[in-house]
Structure formats: structure tokens, C-alpha cells
Amino acid sequence: MKKSAIKVVLAGLLGASALAGCATRAVIIARPGPPIAGVVIEPARPRAVWVPGHWVWQPYWGRYVWVRGHWR
């Protein structure tokens, strides 16, 4: 009698723990990646280096914004 009661309790705990795992939920929020950068052809300048443009995430607008390239 005592062994069967222990088995019933253990089976109940095992079942409850299995059902508790089903109740969990995960929320994943992923922002999209930046668009592909375009090709820019600029004429060469003496003693200057071209810094290419790039995408920057702007949390205020909730999107990526293109920052233009420039000579430095």
C-alpha cells in the first residue's frame, strides 16, 4: 500500500512537471537587418580618403537610415 501511494505521488509530480513545461512561453523580438549597401563611384581626390557610407539603426524611427559616404 505504501509503495503504491509513493508511485502515485511520483507519477503525479512527473505529470505536473511535464505539463508545466508546456505552459512556458518565449517572446523573441528581432529587428530586421540593414538593406544591402549600394555601389557608389566617386572620382579620386588628391590626398583624400573616401569613407564609404553605411547603415545605422535609428531607434527613434525604428528603422535603418543610410549615412552617406564622404571624403576625409
PDB file of N, CA and C in Angstrom:
ATOM      1  N   MET A   1       0.822  -1.194   0.000  1.00  0.00           N
ATOM      2  CA  MET A   1       0.000   0.000   0.000  1.00  0.00           C
ATOM      3  C   MET A   1       0.866   1.259   0.000  1.00  0.00           C
ATOM      4  N   LYS A   2       1.880   1.260   0.844  1.00  0.00           N
ATOM      5  CA  LYS A   2       2.743   2.414   0.954  1.00  0.00           C
ATOM      6  C   LYS A   2       3.524   2.641  -0.345  1.00  0.00           C
ATOM      7  N   LYS A   3       3.982   1.537  -0.985  1.00  0.00           N
ATOM      8  CA  LYS A   3       4.742   1.662  -2.229  1.00  0.00           C
ATOM      9  C   LYS A   3       3.867   2.187  -3.357  1.00  0.00           C
ATOM     10  N   SER A   4       2.635   1.731  -3.413  1.00  0.00           N
ATOM     11  CA  SER A   4       1.750   2.197  -4.476  1.00  0.00           C
ATOM     12  C   SER A   4       1.388   3.662  -4.276  1.00  0.00           C
ATOM     13  N   ALA A   5       1.259   4.130  -3.046  1.00  0.00           N
ATOM     14  CA  ALA A   5       0.965   5.538  -2.784  1.00  0.00           C
ATOM     15  C   ALA A   5       2.145   6.414  -3.215  1.00  0.00           C
ATOM     16  N   ILE A   6       3.342   5.937  -2.958  1.00  0.00           N
ATOM     17  CA  ILE A   6       4.538   6.681  -3.364  1.00  0.00           C
ATOM     18  C   ILE A   6       4.613   6.747  -4.894  1.00  0.00           C
ATOM     19  N   LYS A   7       4.281   5.631  -5.568  1.00  0.00           N
ATOM     20  CA  LYS A   7       4.292   5.607  -7.030  1.00  0.00           C
ATOM     21  C   LYS A   7       3.262   6.580  -7.603  1.00  0.00           C
ATOM     22  N   VAL A   8       2.094   6.653  -6.985  1.00  0.00           N
ATOM     23  CA  VAL A   8       1.048   7.565  -7.449  1.00  0.00           C
ATOM     24  C   VAL A   8       1.499   9.010  -7.278  1.00  0.00           C
ATOM     25  N   VAL A   9       2.112   9.312  -6.136  1.00  0.00           N
ATOM     26  CA  VAL A   9       2.576  10.677  -5.881  1.00  0.00           C
ATOM     27  C   VAL A   9       3.693  11.044  -6.870  1.00  0.00           C
ATOM     28  N   LEU A  10       4.631  10.137  -7.091  1.00  0.00           N
ATOM     29  CA  LEU A  10       5.720  10.396  -8.027  1.00  0.00           C
ATOM     30  C   LEU A  10       5.192  10.562  -9.449  1.00  0.00           C
ATOM     31  N   ALA A  11       4.239   9.740  -9.843  1.00  0.00           N
ATOM     32  CA  ALA A  11       3.647   9.866 -11.174  1.00  0.00           C
ATOM     33  C   ALA A  11       2.923  11.204 -11.319  1.00  0.00           C
ATOM     34  N   GLY A  12       2.247  11.632 -10.268  1.00  0.00           N
ATOM     35  CA  GLY A  12       1.555  12.921 -10.302  1.00  0.00           C
ATOM     36  C   GLY A  12       2.538  14.078 -10.420  1.00  0.00           C
ATOM     37  N   LEU A  13       3.642  14.007  -9.672  1.00  0.00           N
ATOM     38  CA  LEU A  13       4.655  15.058  -9.756  1.00  0.00           C
ATOM     39  C   LEU A  13       5.311  15.086 -11.129  1.00  0.00           C
ATOM     40  N   LEU A  14       5.572  13.907 -11.679  1.00  0.00           N
ATOM     41  CA  LEU A  14       6.175  13.823 -13.003  1.00  0.00           C
ATOM     42  C   LEU A  14       5.227  14.400 -14.061  1.00  0.00           C
ATOM     43  N   GLY A  15       3.958  14.063 -13.969  1.00  0.00           N
ATOM     44  CA  GLY A  15       2.967  14.598 -14.912  1.00  0.00           C
ATOM     45  C   GLY A  15       2.804  16.094 -14.787  1.00  0.00           C
ATOM     46  N   ALA A  16       2.802  16.585 -13.558  1.00  0.00           N
ATOM     47  CA  ALA A  16       2.657  18.026 -13.335  1.00  0.00           C
ATOM     48  C   ALA A  16       3.869  18.786 -13.869  1.00  0.00           C
ATOM     49  N   SER A  17       5.062  18.216 -13.681  1.00  0.00           N
ATOM     50  CA  SER A  17       6.259  18.900 -14.184  1.00  0.00           C
ATOM     51  C   SER A  17       6.290  18.879 -15.706  1.00  0.00           C
ATOM     52  N   ALA A  18       5.776  17.810 -16.324  1.00  0.00           N
ATOM     53  CA  ALA A  18       5.733  17.747 -17.785  1.00  0.00           C
ATOM     54  C   ALA A  18       4.745  18.776 -18.329  1.00  0.00           C
ATOM     55  N   LEU A  19       3.621  18.949 -17.674  1.00  0.00           N
ATOM     56  CA  LEU A  19       2.639  19.927 -18.122  1.00  0.00           C
ATOM     57  C   LEU A  19       3.097  21.356 -17.860  1.00  0.00           C
ATOM     58  N   ALA A  20       3.861  21.555 -16.812  1.00  0.00           N
ATOM     59  CA  ALA A  20       4.361  22.897 -16.502  1.00  0.00           C
ATOM     60  C   ALA A  20       5.320  23.361 -17.584  1.00  0.00           C
ATOM     61  N   GLY A  21       6.077  22.459 -18.177  1.00  0.00           N
ATOM     62  CA  GLY A  21       6.983  22.820 -19.260  1.00  0.00           C
ATOM     63  C   GLY A  21       6.242  23.276 -20.493  1.00  0.00           C
ATOM     64  N   CYS A  22       5.043  22.797 -20.705  1.00  0.00           N
ATOM     65  CA  CYS A  22       4.247  23.191 -21.871  1.00  0.00           C
ATOM     66  C   CYS A  22       3.666  24.591 -21.706  1.00  0.00           C
ATOM     67  N   ALA A  23       3.550  25.061 -20.499  1.00  0.00           N
ATOM     68  CA  ALA A  23       2.905  26.346 -20.250  1.00  0.00           C
ATOM     69  C   ALA A  23       3.866  27.516 -20.437  1.00  0.00           C
ATOM     70  N   THR A  24       5.163  27.255 -20.532  1.00  0.00           N
ATOM     71  CA  THR A  24       6.110  28.363 -20.677  1.00  0.00           C
ATOM     72  C   THR A  24       6.030  28.929 -22.084  1.00  0.00           C
ATOM     73  N   ARG A  25       6.367  30.210 -22.194  1.00  0.00           N
ATOM     74  CA  ARG A  25       6.277  30.905 -23.464  1.00  0.00           C
ATOM     75  C   ARG A  25       7.464  31.849 -23.588  1.00  0.00           C
ATOM     76  N   ALA A  26       8.035  31.928 -24.763  1.00  0.00           N
ATOM     77  CA  ALA A  26       9.150  32.836 -25.000  1.00  0.00           C
ATOM     78  C   ALA A  26       8.769  33.799 -26.116  1.00  0.00           C
ATOM     79  N   VAL A  27       9.118  35.057 -25.934  1.00  0.00           N
ATOM     80  CA  VAL A  27       8.866  36.068 -26.945  1.00  0.00           C
ATOM     81  C   VAL A  27      10.217  36.568 -27.441  1.00  0.00           C
ATOM     82  N   ILE A  28      10.452  36.446 -28.728  1.00  0.00           N
ATOM     83  CA  ILE A  28      11.714  36.887 -29.319  1.00  0.00           C
ATOM     84  C   ILE A  28      11.396  38.041 -30.264  1.00  0.00           C
ATOM     85  N   ILE A  29      12.034  39.164 -30.010  1.00  0.00           N
ATOM     86  CA  ILE A  29      11.850  40.330 -30.858  1.00  0.00           C
ATOM     87  C   ILE A  29      13.175  40.604 -31.548  1.00  0.00           C
ATOM     88  N   ALA A  30      13.170  40.513 -32.863  1.00  0.00           N
ATOM     89  CA  ALA A  30      14.389  40.741 -33.631  1.00  0.00           C
ATOM     90  C   ALA A  30      14.128  41.810 -34.674  1.00  0.00           C
ATOM     91  N   ARG A  31      14.977  42.809 -34.694  1.00  0.00           N
ATOM     92  CA  ARG A  31      14.812  43.829 -35.720  1.00  0.00           C
ATOM     93  C   ARG A  31      15.437  43.330 -37.015  1.00  0.00           C
ATOM     94  N   PRO A  32      14.925  43.772 -38.146  1.00  0.00           N
ATOM     95  CA  PRO A  32      15.464  43.307 -39.418  1.00  0.00           C
ATOM     96  C   PRO A  32      16.861  43.842 -39.659  1.00  0.00           C
ATOM     97  N   GLY A  33      17.620  43.129 -40.444  1.00  0.00           N
ATOM     98  CA  GLY A  33      18.966  43.562 -40.773  1.00  0.00           C
ATOM     99  C   GLY A  33      18.937  44.744 -41.735  1.00  0.00           C
ATOM    100  N   PRO A  34      20.062  45.433 -41.883  1.00  0.00           N
ATOM    101  CA  PRO A  34      20.086  46.581 -42.779  1.00  0.00           C
ATOM    102  C   PRO A  34      20.006  46.133 -44.236  1.00  0.00           C
ATOM    103  N   PRO A  35      19.507  46.997 -45.106  1.00  0.00           N
ATOM    104  CA  PRO A  35      19.486  46.675 -46.532  1.00  0.00           C
ATOM    105  C   PRO A  35      20.915  46.571 -47.075  1.00  0.00           C
ATOM    106  N   ILE A  36      21.036  46.025 -48.249  1.00  0.00           N
ATOM    107  CA  ILE A  36      22.349  45.880 -48.878  1.00  0.00           C
ATOM    108  C   ILE A  36      22.825  47.257 -49.325  1.00  0.00           C
ATOM    109  N   ALA A  37      24.093  47.543 -49.053  1.00  0.00           N
ATOM    110  CA  ALA A  37      24.659  48.839 -49.424  1.00  0.00           C
ATOM    111  C   ALA A  37      24.824  48.907 -50.934  1.00  0.00           C
ATOM    112  N   GLY A  38      24.527  50.059 -51.502  1.00  0.00           N
ATOM    113  CA  GLY A  38      24.664  50.267 -52.936  1.00  0.00           C
ATOM    114  C   GLY A  38      26.105  50.560 -53.316  1.00  0.00           C
ATOM    115  N   VAL A  39      26.391  50.499 -54.590  1.00  0.00           N
ATOM    116  CA  VAL A  39      27.729  50.801 -55.092  1.00  0.00           C
ATOM    117  C   VAL A  39      27.780  52.281 -55.455  1.00  0.00           C
ATOM    118  N   VAL A  40      28.786  52.965 -54.940  1.00  0.00           N
ATOM    119  CA  VAL A  40      28.954  54.389 -55.210  1.00  0.00           C
ATOM    120  C   VAL A  40      30.306  54.574 -55.878  1.00  0.00           C
ATOM    121  N   ILE A  41      30.321  55.246 -57.021  1.00  0.00           N
ATOM    122  CA  ILE A  41      31.575  55.513 -57.733  1.00  0.00           C
ATOM    123  C   ILE A  41      31.854  57.006 -57.618  1.00  0.00           C
ATOM    124  N   GLU A  42      32.946  57.329 -56.956  1.00  0.00           N
ATOM    125  CA  GLU A  42      33.332  58.718 -56.760  1.00  0.00           C
ATOM    126  C   GLU A  42      34.691  58.947 -57.436  1.00  0.00           C
ATOM    127  N   PRO A  43      34.892  60.097 -58.039  1.00  0.00           N
ATOM    128  CA  PRO A  43      36.201  60.384 -58.624  1.00  0.00           C
ATOM    129  C   PRO A  43      37.249  60.552 -57.523  1.00  0.00           C
ATOM    130  N   ALA A  44      38.465  60.152 -57.833  1.00  0.00           N
ATOM    131  CA  ALA A  44      39.542  60.232 -56.841  1.00  0.00           C
ATOM    132  C   ALA A  44      39.917  61.685 -56.581  1.00  0.00           C
ATOM    133  N   ARG A  45      40.326  61.975 -55.363  1.00  0.00           N
ATOM    134  CA  ARG A  45      40.793  63.306 -54.983  1.00  0.00           C
ATOM    135  C   ARG A  45      42.189  63.169 -54.401  1.00  0.00           C
ATOM    136  N   PRO A  46      43.058  64.110 -54.687  1.00  0.00           N
ATOM    137  CA  PRO A  46      44.421  64.012 -54.144  1.00  0.00           C
ATOM    138  C   PRO A  46      44.436  64.192 -52.633  1.00  0.00           C
ATOM    139  N   ARG A  47      45.245  63.408 -51.964  1.00  0.00           N
ATOM    140  CA  ARG A  47      45.437  63.440 -50.508  1.00  0.00           C
ATOM    141  C   ARG A  47      44.134  63.336 -49.728  1.00  0.00           C
ATOM    142  N   ALA A  48      43.184  62.581 -50.226  1.00  0.00           N
ATOM    143  CA  ALA A  48      41.921  62.383 -49.513  1.00  0.00           C
ATOM    144  C   ALA A  48      41.573  60.895 -49.545  1.00  0.00           C
ATOM    145  N   VAL A  49      40.842  60.472 -48.547  1.00  0.00           N
ATOM    146  CA  VAL A  49      40.420  59.075 -48.438  1.00  0.00           C
ATOM    147  C   VAL A  49      38.897  59.047 -48.429  1.00  0.00           C
ATOM    148  N   TRP A  50      38.324  58.172 -49.231  1.00  0.00           N
ATOM    149  CA  TRP A  50      36.866  58.029 -49.290  1.00  0.00           C
ATOM    150  C   TRP A  50      36.404  57.144 -48.142  1.00  0.00           C
ATOM    151  N   VAL A  51      35.520  57.651 -47.317  1.00  0.00           N
ATOM    152  CA  VAL A  51      34.911  56.879 -46.235  1.00  0.00           C
ATOM    153  C   VAL A  51      33.543  56.440 -46.752  1.00  0.00           C
ATOM    154  N   PRO A  52      33.345  55.124 -46.964  1.00  0.00           N
ATOM    155  CA  PRO A  52      32.096  54.671 -47.575  1.00  0.00           C
ATOM    156  C   PRO A  52      30.896  54.881 -46.652  1.00  0.00           C
ATOM    157  N   GLY A  53      29.732  54.975 -47.260  1.00  0.00           N
ATOM    158  CA  GLY A  53      28.504  55.113 -46.490  1.00  0.00           C
ATOM    159  C   GLY A  53      28.146  53.808 -45.800  1.00  0.00           C
ATOM    160  N   HIS A  54      27.236  53.900 -44.845  1.00  0.00           N
ATOM    161  CA  HIS A  54      26.850  52.704 -44.096  1.00  0.00           C
ATOM    162  C   HIS A  54      25.450  52.906 -43.503  1.00  0.00           C
ATOM    163  N   TRP A  55      24.849  51.808 -43.099  1.00  0.00           N
ATOM    164  CA  TRP A  55      23.524  51.857 -42.477  1.00  0.00           C
ATOM    165  C   TRP A  55      23.666  51.962 -40.970  1.00  0.00           C
ATOM    166  N   VAL A  56      22.822  52.797 -40.356  1.00  0.00           N
ATOM    167  CA  VAL A  56      22.817  52.991 -38.901  1.00  0.00           C
ATOM    168  C   VAL A  56      21.390  52.787 -38.403  1.00  0.00           C
ATOM    169  N   TRP A  57      21.249  52.029 -37.310  1.00  0.00           N
ATOM    170  CA  TRP A  57      19.926  51.803 -36.714  1.00  0.00           C
ATOM    171  C   TRP A  57      19.507  53.045 -35.935  1.00  0.00           C
ATOM    172  N   GLN A  58      18.316  53.564 -36.246  1.00  0.00           N
ATOM    173  CA  GLN A  58      17.757  54.710 -35.544  1.00  0.00           C
ATOM    174  C   GLN A  58      16.565  54.231 -34.714  1.00  0.00           C
ATOM    175  N   PRO A  59      16.735  54.078 -33.394  1.00  0.00           N
ATOM    176  CA  PRO A  59      15.641  53.581 -32.564  1.00  0.00           C
ATOM    177  C   PRO A  59      14.426  54.514 -32.555  1.00  0.00           C
ATOM    178  N   TYR A  60      14.642  55.813 -32.759  1.00  0.00           N
ATOM    179  CA  TYR A  60      13.521  56.762 -32.744  1.00  0.00           C
ATOM    180  C   TYR A  60      12.529  56.435 -33.861  1.00  0.00           C
ATOM    181  N   TRP A  61      13.064  56.144 -35.061  1.00  0.00           N
ATOM    182  CA  TRP A  61      12.211  55.811 -36.195  1.00  0.00           C
ATOM    183  C   TRP A  61      11.949  54.322 -36.308  1.00  0.00           C
ATOM    184  N   GLY A  62      12.732  53.520 -35.602  1.00  0.00           N
ATOM    185  CA  GLY A  62      12.555  52.071 -35.654  1.00  0.00           C
ATOM    186  C   GLY A  62      12.969  51.462 -36.979  1.00  0.00           C
ATOM    187  N   ARG A  63      13.994  52.051 -37.612  1.00  0.00           N
ATOM    188  CA  ARG A  63      14.462  51.531 -38.891  1.00  0.00           C
ATOM    189  C   ARG A  63      15.905  51.947 -39.116  1.00  0.00           C
ATOM    190  N   TYR A  64      16.523  51.369 -40.157  1.00  0.00           N
ATOM    191  CA  TYR A  64      17.874  51.740 -40.536  1.00  0.00           C
ATOM    192  C   TYR A  64      17.841  52.985 -41.417  1.00  0.00           C
ATOM    193  N   VAL A  65      18.861  53.843 -41.278  1.00  0.00           N
ATOM    194  CA  VAL A  65      18.991  55.067 -42.049  1.00  0.00           C
ATOM    195  C   VAL A  65      20.373  55.057 -42.710  1.00  0.00           C
ATOM    196  N   TRP A  66      20.425  55.429 -43.985  1.00  0.00           N
ATOM    197  CA  TRP A  66      21.681  55.440 -44.720  1.00  0.00           C
ATOM    198  C   TRP A  66      22.471  56.701 -44.390  1.00  0.00           C
ATOM    199  N   VAL A  67      23.736  56.524 -43.998  1.00  0.00           N
ATOM    200  CA  VAL A  67      24.649  57.634 -43.757  1.00  0.00           C
ATOM    201  C   VAL A  67      25.551  57.711 -44.982  1.00  0.00           C
ATOM    202  N   ARG A  68      25.536  58.850 -45.682  1.00  0.00           N
ATOM    203  CA  ARG A  68      26.284  58.989 -46.926  1.00  0.00           C
ATOM    204  C   ARG A  68      27.788  58.927 -46.689  1.00  0.00           C
ATOM    205  N   GLY A  69      28.497  58.458 -47.696  1.00  0.00           N
ATOM    206  CA  GLY A  69      29.953  58.454 -47.651  1.00  0.00           C
ATOM    207  C   GLY A  69      30.483  59.866 -47.842  1.00  0.00           C
ATOM    208  N   HIS A  70      31.761  60.058 -47.481  1.00  0.00           N
ATOM    209  CA  HIS A  70      32.348  61.393 -47.606  1.00  0.00           C
ATOM    210  C   HIS A  70      33.861  61.274 -47.757  1.00  0.00           C
ATOM    211  N   TRP A  71      34.453  62.352 -48.230  1.00  0.00           N
ATOM    212  CA  TRP A  71      35.913  62.422 -48.360  1.00  0.00           C
ATOM    213  C   TRP A  71      36.490  62.953 -47.056  1.00  0.00           C
ATOM    214  N   ARG A  72      37.593  62.371 -46.638  1.00  0.00           N
ATOM    215  CA  ARG A  72      38.249  62.845 -45.420  1.00  0.00           C
ATOM    216  C   ARG A  72      39.718  62.998 -45.693  1.00  0.00           C
TER     217      ARG A  72
END
